[in-house]
Amino acid sequence: MQVSKWGNSLAVRLPKKLVEEMGLKPGDELAVVAAAKGRIAVEKIDRRAEFLKRMERFRWSVPEGYKFDRDEANER
């Protein structure tokens, strides 16, 4: 992978195979979970799963058959 300049930041283009293996889509977030000289490890942040865990903590329920769909929620 090649590091590129993107505004004042640096960016890395992810290979298709990695994107498919991690199930990534535009808008997904990654967290750097480990960094050492010459190596980094990342994991996908699953906001849906985090939200559902919080809902369970407060004993909130989701209507049967309901699914979270970012694209559908943002349609105009």
Protein backbone atom coordinates (compact mmCIF):
# COMPACT_ATOMS: atom_id res chain seq x y z
CA MET A 1 0.00 0.00 0.00
CA GLN A 2 1.14 3.51 -0.68
CA VAL A 3 0.79 6.44 1.72
CA SER A 4 -0.63 9.54 0.02
CA LYS A 5 -1.19 13.14 1.07
CA TRP A 6 -4.87 14.04 1.64
CA GLY A 7 -5.24 17.68 2.68
CA ASN A 8 -3.15 18.06 5.83
CA SER A 9 -3.35 14.34 6.57
CA LEU A 10 -1.95 11.12 5.16
CA ALA A 11 -4.12 8.37 3.70
CA VAL A 12 -3.70 4.72 2.73
CA ARG A 13 -5.76 3.06 0.00
CA LEU A 14 -6.94 -0.36 1.17
CA PRO A 15 -6.63 -3.34 -1.18
CA LYS A 16 -9.90 -4.88 -2.38
CA LYS A 17 -9.13 -8.23 -0.76
CA LEU A 18 -8.70 -6.61 2.67
CA VAL A 19 -11.89 -4.55 2.21
CA GLU A 20 -13.84 -7.70 1.36
CA GLU A 21 -12.34 -9.73 4.23
CA MET A 22 -13.22 -7.01 6.77
CA GLY A 23 -16.61 -6.28 5.19
CA LEU A 24 -15.80 -2.57 4.87
CA LYS A 25 -18.05 -0.02 3.17
CA PRO A 26 -17.66 3.73 2.58
CA GLY A 27 -18.28 5.54 5.86
CA ASP A 28 -17.11 2.66 8.08
CA GLU A 29 -14.67 3.53 10.84
CA LEU A 30 -11.43 1.78 11.74
CA ALA A 31 -9.52 2.03 15.00
CA VAL A 32 -5.77 1.56 15.32
CA VAL A 33 -5.51 -1.04 18.08
CA ALA A 34 -1.76 -1.59 18.05
CA ALA A 35 1.24 0.18 16.61
CA ALA A 36 4.89 -0.80 16.70
CA LYS A 37 7.89 0.11 14.61
CA GLY A 38 6.89 -0.65 11.03
CA ARG A 39 3.54 -2.30 11.91
CA ILE A 40 -0.03 -1.28 12.68
CA ALA A 41 -3.14 -3.30 13.51
CA VAL A 42 -6.65 -2.01 12.91
CA GLU A 43 -10.15 -3.22 13.67
CA LYS A 44 -13.51 -2.19 12.30
CA ILE A 45 -15.67 -0.20 14.69
CA ASP A 46 -19.17 -1.66 14.65
CA ARG A 47 -21.38 1.21 15.81
CA ARG A 48 -24.55 -0.89 15.37
CA ALA A 49 -23.29 -3.56 17.75
CA GLU A 50 -22.20 -0.92 20.26
CA PHE A 51 -25.62 0.74 20.11
CA LEU A 52 -27.45 -2.56 20.54
CA LYS A 53 -25.31 -3.36 23.60
CA ARG A 54 -26.22 0.01 25.11
CA MET A 55 -29.89 -0.65 24.39
CA GLU A 56 -29.67 -3.97 26.23
CA ARG A 57 -28.10 -2.23 29.21
CA PHE A 58 -31.14 0.05 29.47
CA ARG A 59 -33.54 -2.80 28.61
CA TRP A 60 -34.78 -1.06 25.46
CA SER A 61 -36.13 -3.28 22.73
CA VAL A 62 -36.11 -3.05 18.96
CA PRO A 63 -39.33 -3.74 17.03
CA GLU A 64 -39.32 -7.24 15.51
CA GLY A 65 -37.83 -7.30 12.03
CA TYR A 66 -36.24 -3.84 12.43
CA LYS A 67 -32.82 -3.44 10.90
CA PHE A 68 -30.40 -0.55 11.03
CA ASP A 69 -29.61 0.65 7.50
CA ARG A 70 -27.39 3.73 7.23
CA ASP A 71 -28.16 4.25 3.52
CA GLU A 72 -31.92 4.02 4.03
CA ALA A 73 -31.79 6.37 7.02
CA ASN A 74 -29.90 8.97 4.97
CA GLU A 75 -32.11 8.84 1.86
CA ARG A 76 -33.84 12.12 1.02
